[in-house]
Amino acid sequence: REGQILFINRRWIQSPLIGHALRQAYGDLLPPGRFPAAALWLTVPVIWAMLIALAAAFIPAARMPDRLGSPVRRGLTLGTLGAYVGWLTAAALVNTADVLPGYGFQRFGLTVEQFGVLSICCAALVAGWMTLQSRGSLPYVAAVLWALVAIVVHNGTPSFGHPVSITATGVALVLVGVAGWARAGCWSASARSRSRNW
């Protein structure tokens, strides 16, 4: 086992679980006393796992802020979680769109620009849902808007007509509207009326 070297995301690690999985995968292909070396690039799964785990903590906290205690504690908790989950929402989708083609994923036959637009639309769905679930959390929305501004800056201003920039600008405007709607209580009121009708 001393001869086994594992790297995840360019960092050396020791993991009996991963080491055992590698030895099982290689089976009898390696002679006794020899161990496989592995370099695993797990950025995308790690970011998605972080997003899901933190969203599972953030949404209930945002929906029941009184359980967090004092207003200062509430603000620090929801502000920090909201900003981090917002950043992870953007990072998960941007990294997925950026990394998958490097592994041979053909983007459903779409051009790079078309796939960029599709990725931003997927991000918009996730961000819109999270915004509604968090009742329009301002730190969350601000972090996603920051990422969308970065996409616009990277791809050029909308006046140049770049489809990715135009889509990111449109999503930003829609997200601001969704946040305002959720903060005004429209989302919670419509959700309550739907639950009564069921």
Protein backbone atom coordinates (compact mmCIF):
# COMPACT_ATOMS: atom_id res chain seq x y z
CA ARG A 1 0.00 0.00 0.00
CA GLU A 2 2.95 2.37 0.53
CA GLY A 3 3.50 2.42 -3.23
CA GLN A 4 0.03 3.75 -4.00
CA ILE A 5 -0.15 7.45 -4.79
CA LEU A 6 -3.50 9.23 -5.12
CA PHE A 7 -4.18 12.75 -6.33
CA ILE A 8 -7.59 14.41 -6.37
CA ASN A 9 -7.85 17.80 -8.04
CA ARG A 10 -4.02 18.02 -8.12
CA ARG A 11 -3.71 17.38 -4.39
CA TRP A 12 -2.06 14.36 -2.83
CA ILE A 13 -4.42 12.44 -0.56
CA GLN A 14 -4.52 9.24 1.45
CA SER A 15 -7.80 7.40 1.26
CA PRO A 16 -8.20 3.73 2.16
CA LEU A 17 -11.63 3.75 0.50
CA ILE A 18 -10.40 5.04 -2.86
CA GLY A 19 -7.30 2.85 -2.64
CA HIS A 20 -9.43 -0.23 -2.08
CA ALA A 21 -11.76 0.74 -4.96
CA LEU A 22 -8.77 1.12 -7.30
CA ARG A 23 -7.28 -2.22 -6.26
CA GLN A 24 -10.65 -3.88 -6.83
CA ALA A 25 -11.01 -2.22 -10.24
CA TYR A 26 -7.56 -3.40 -11.35
CA GLY A 27 -8.19 -6.89 -9.97
CA ASP A 28 -5.52 -9.30 -11.22
CA LEU A 29 -4.08 -6.92 -13.83
CA LEU A 30 -1.21 -5.84 -11.55
CA PRO A 31 1.36 -8.27 -10.11
CA PRO A 32 1.39 -8.81 -6.32
CA GLY A 33 3.04 -6.00 -4.38
CA ARG A 34 2.31 -3.42 -7.12
CA PHE A 35 -0.32 -0.74 -6.68
CA PRO A 36 -2.00 1.56 -9.21
CA ALA A 37 -1.36 5.29 -9.26
CA ALA A 38 -4.39 7.46 -9.95
CA ALA A 39 -5.14 11.05 -10.76
CA LEU A 40 -8.84 11.80 -10.29
CA TRP A 41 -10.33 15.10 -11.44
CA LEU A 42 -13.45 15.47 -9.32
CA THR A 43 -14.09 19.20 -9.45
CA VAL A 44 -17.55 18.98 -11.01
CA PRO A 45 -18.94 16.24 -8.71
CA VAL A 46 -17.46 17.94 -5.65
CA ILE A 47 -19.02 21.32 -6.53
CA TRP A 48 -22.42 19.72 -7.21
CA ALA A 49 -22.24 17.79 -3.92
CA MET A 50 -21.37 21.01 -2.07
CA LEU A 51 -24.23 22.87 -3.77
CA ILE A 52 -26.77 20.20 -2.87
CA ALA A 53 -25.59 19.88 0.72
CA LEU A 54 -25.49 23.62 1.36
CA ALA A 55 -28.81 24.21 -0.41
CA ALA A 56 -30.33 21.60 1.91
CA ALA A 57 -29.14 23.71 4.86
CA PHE A 58 -29.80 27.12 3.32
CA ILE A 59 -33.41 26.72 2.18
CA PRO A 60 -34.83 25.70 5.58
CA ALA A 61 -32.79 28.42 7.30
CA ALA A 62 -34.08 31.05 4.86
CA ARG A 63 -37.66 29.86 5.23
CA MET A 64 -37.59 29.84 9.04
CA PRO A 65 -35.10 32.56 10.02
CA ASP A 66 -36.58 32.98 13.51
CA ARG A 67 -35.05 29.65 14.51
CA LEU A 68 -31.57 31.10 13.98
CA GLY A 69 -31.80 33.35 17.03
CA SER A 70 -30.79 37.00 17.18
CA PRO A 71 -31.01 39.31 14.16
CA VAL A 72 -27.21 39.53 14.01
CA ARG A 73 -26.81 35.75 13.99
CA ARG A 74 -29.60 35.48 11.43
CA GLY A 75 -27.96 38.04 9.17
CA LEU A 76 -24.52 36.47 9.41
CA THR A 77 -25.81 32.94 8.87
CA LEU A 78 -28.18 33.71 6.01
CA GLY A 79 -25.81 36.22 4.43
CA THR A 80 -22.85 33.86 4.43
CA LEU A 81 -24.84 30.80 3.37
CA GLY A 82 -26.77 32.75 0.74
CA ALA A 83 -23.67 34.21 -0.87
CA TYR A 84 -21.86 30.87 -0.86
CA VAL A 85 -24.82 28.91 -2.24
CA GLY A 86 -25.30 31.59 -4.92
CA TRP A 87 -21.66 31.31 -5.92
CA LEU A 88 -21.92 27.50 -5.96
CA THR A 89 -25.02 27.66 -8.18
CA ALA A 90 -23.07 29.57 -10.80
CA ALA A 91 -19.84 27.61 -10.30
CA ALA A 92 -21.54 24.22 -10.63
CA LEU A 93 -23.13 25.05 -13.96
CA VAL A 94 -20.20 27.00 -15.39
CA ASN A 95 -17.71 24.26 -14.43
CA THR A 96 -19.95 21.56 -15.84
CA ALA A 97 -20.29 23.44 -19.15
CA ASP A 98 -16.56 24.14 -19.23
CA VAL A 99 -15.18 20.74 -18.18
CA LEU A 100 -17.44 18.25 -19.97
CA PRO A 101 -16.28 19.07 -23.53
CA GLY A 102 -12.70 18.37 -22.40
CA TYR A 103 -13.78 14.80 -21.65
CA GLY A 104 -15.22 14.29 -25.10
CA PHE A 105 -18.79 15.42 -24.39
CA GLN A 106 -20.09 16.74 -27.71
CA ARG A 107 -22.49 19.39 -26.28
CA PHE A 108 -25.53 17.64 -27.84
CA GLY A 109 -24.18 18.69 -31.25
CA LEU A 110 -24.55 22.37 -30.37
CA THR A 111 -21.99 25.06 -31.08
CA VAL A 112 -20.03 26.53 -28.16
CA GLU A 113 -22.29 29.61 -28.13
CA GLN A 114 -25.48 27.56 -28.26
CA PHE A 115 -24.25 25.31 -25.45
CA GLY A 116 -23.33 28.43 -23.45
CA VAL A 117 -26.86 29.77 -23.86
CA LEU A 118 -28.32 26.38 -22.85
CA SER A 119 -26.06 26.27 -19.78
CA ILE A 120 -27.11 29.77 -18.70
CA CYS A 121 -30.77 28.81 -19.14
CA CYS A 122 -30.20 25.75 -16.91
CA ALA A 123 -28.47 28.00 -14.37
CA ALA A 124 -31.46 30.35 -14.56
CA LEU A 125 -33.85 27.52 -13.69
CA VAL A 126 -31.76 26.46 -10.70
CA ALA A 127 -31.23 30.06 -9.55
CA GLY A 128 -34.92 30.94 -9.99
CA TRP A 129 -36.01 27.91 -8.00
CA MET A 130 -33.47 28.64 -5.25
CA THR A 131 -34.54 32.29 -5.17
CA LEU A 132 -38.17 31.30 -4.71
CA GLN A 133 -37.33 28.68 -2.09
CA SER A 134 -35.17 31.15 -0.13
CA ARG A 135 -37.87 33.84 -0.33
CA GLY A 136 -35.69 36.13 -2.42
CA SER A 137 -32.52 35.97 -0.34
CA LEU A 138 -30.54 39.07 -1.30
CA PRO A 139 -27.07 37.55 -0.69
CA TYR A 140 -27.99 34.56 -2.85
CA VAL A 141 -29.34 36.70 -5.67
CA ALA A 142 -26.36 39.09 -5.44
CA ALA A 143 -23.89 36.22 -5.81
CA VAL A 144 -25.70 34.81 -8.86
CA LEU A 145 -25.96 38.30 -10.39
CA TRP A 146 -22.23 38.78 -9.81
CA ALA A 147 -21.56 35.56 -11.76
CA LEU A 148 -23.87 36.65 -14.58
CA VAL A 149 -22.10 40.03 -14.80
CA ALA A 150 -18.80 38.16 -15.04
CA ILE A 151 -20.20 36.10 -17.94
CA VAL A 152 -21.33 39.26 -19.72
CA VAL A 153 -17.95 40.94 -19.21
CA HIS A 154 -16.10 37.84 -20.38
CA ASN A 155 -18.19 37.49 -23.54
CA GLY A 156 -18.64 41.16 -24.41
CA THR A 157 -21.43 43.61 -23.82
CA PRO A 158 -24.96 42.84 -25.07
CA SER A 159 -24.73 45.72 -27.54
CA PHE A 160 -22.27 43.63 -29.54
CA GLY A 161 -24.97 40.98 -29.88
CA HIS A 162 -23.11 38.02 -28.39
CA PRO A 163 -25.84 35.45 -27.62
CA VAL A 164 -24.27 34.36 -24.31
CA SER A 165 -24.06 37.98 -23.10
CA ILE A 166 -27.63 38.70 -24.16
CA THR A 167 -28.87 35.55 -22.40
CA ALA A 168 -26.92 36.32 -19.22
CA THR A 169 -28.29 39.88 -19.17
CA GLY A 170 -31.86 38.64 -19.68
CA VAL A 171 -31.48 36.03 -16.95
CA ALA A 172 -30.11 38.68 -14.58
CA LEU A 173 -33.14 40.90 -15.19
CA VAL A 174 -35.57 38.01 -14.74
CA LEU A 175 -33.79 36.91 -11.55
CA VAL A 176 -34.13 40.42 -10.09
CA GLY A 177 -37.87 40.27 -10.88
CA VAL A 178 -38.23 36.81 -9.32
CA ALA A 179 -36.39 37.98 -6.20
CA GLY A 180 -38.66 41.02 -5.90
CA TRP A 181 -41.72 38.85 -6.37
CA ALA A 182 -40.52 36.34 -3.76
CA ARG A 183 -39.60 39.09 -1.27
CA ALA A 184 -43.00 40.71 -1.70
CA GLY A 185 -44.57 37.50 -0.44
CA CYS A 186 -46.25 36.60 -3.71
CA TRP A 187 -44.50 33.24 -3.87
CA SER A 188 -45.42 32.18 -0.36
CA ALA A 189 -49.02 33.37 -0.81
CA SER A 190 -49.44 31.46 -4.08
CA ALA A 191 -47.78 28.37 -2.57
CA ARG A 192 -50.19 28.48 0.37
CA SER A 193 -53.21 28.77 -1.93
CA ARG A 194 -51.98 25.85 -4.05
CA SER A 195 -51.51 23.67 -0.99
CA ARG A 196 -55.06 24.49 0.21
CA ASN A 197 -56.46 23.55 -3.21
CA TRP A 198 -54.81 20.12 -3.09
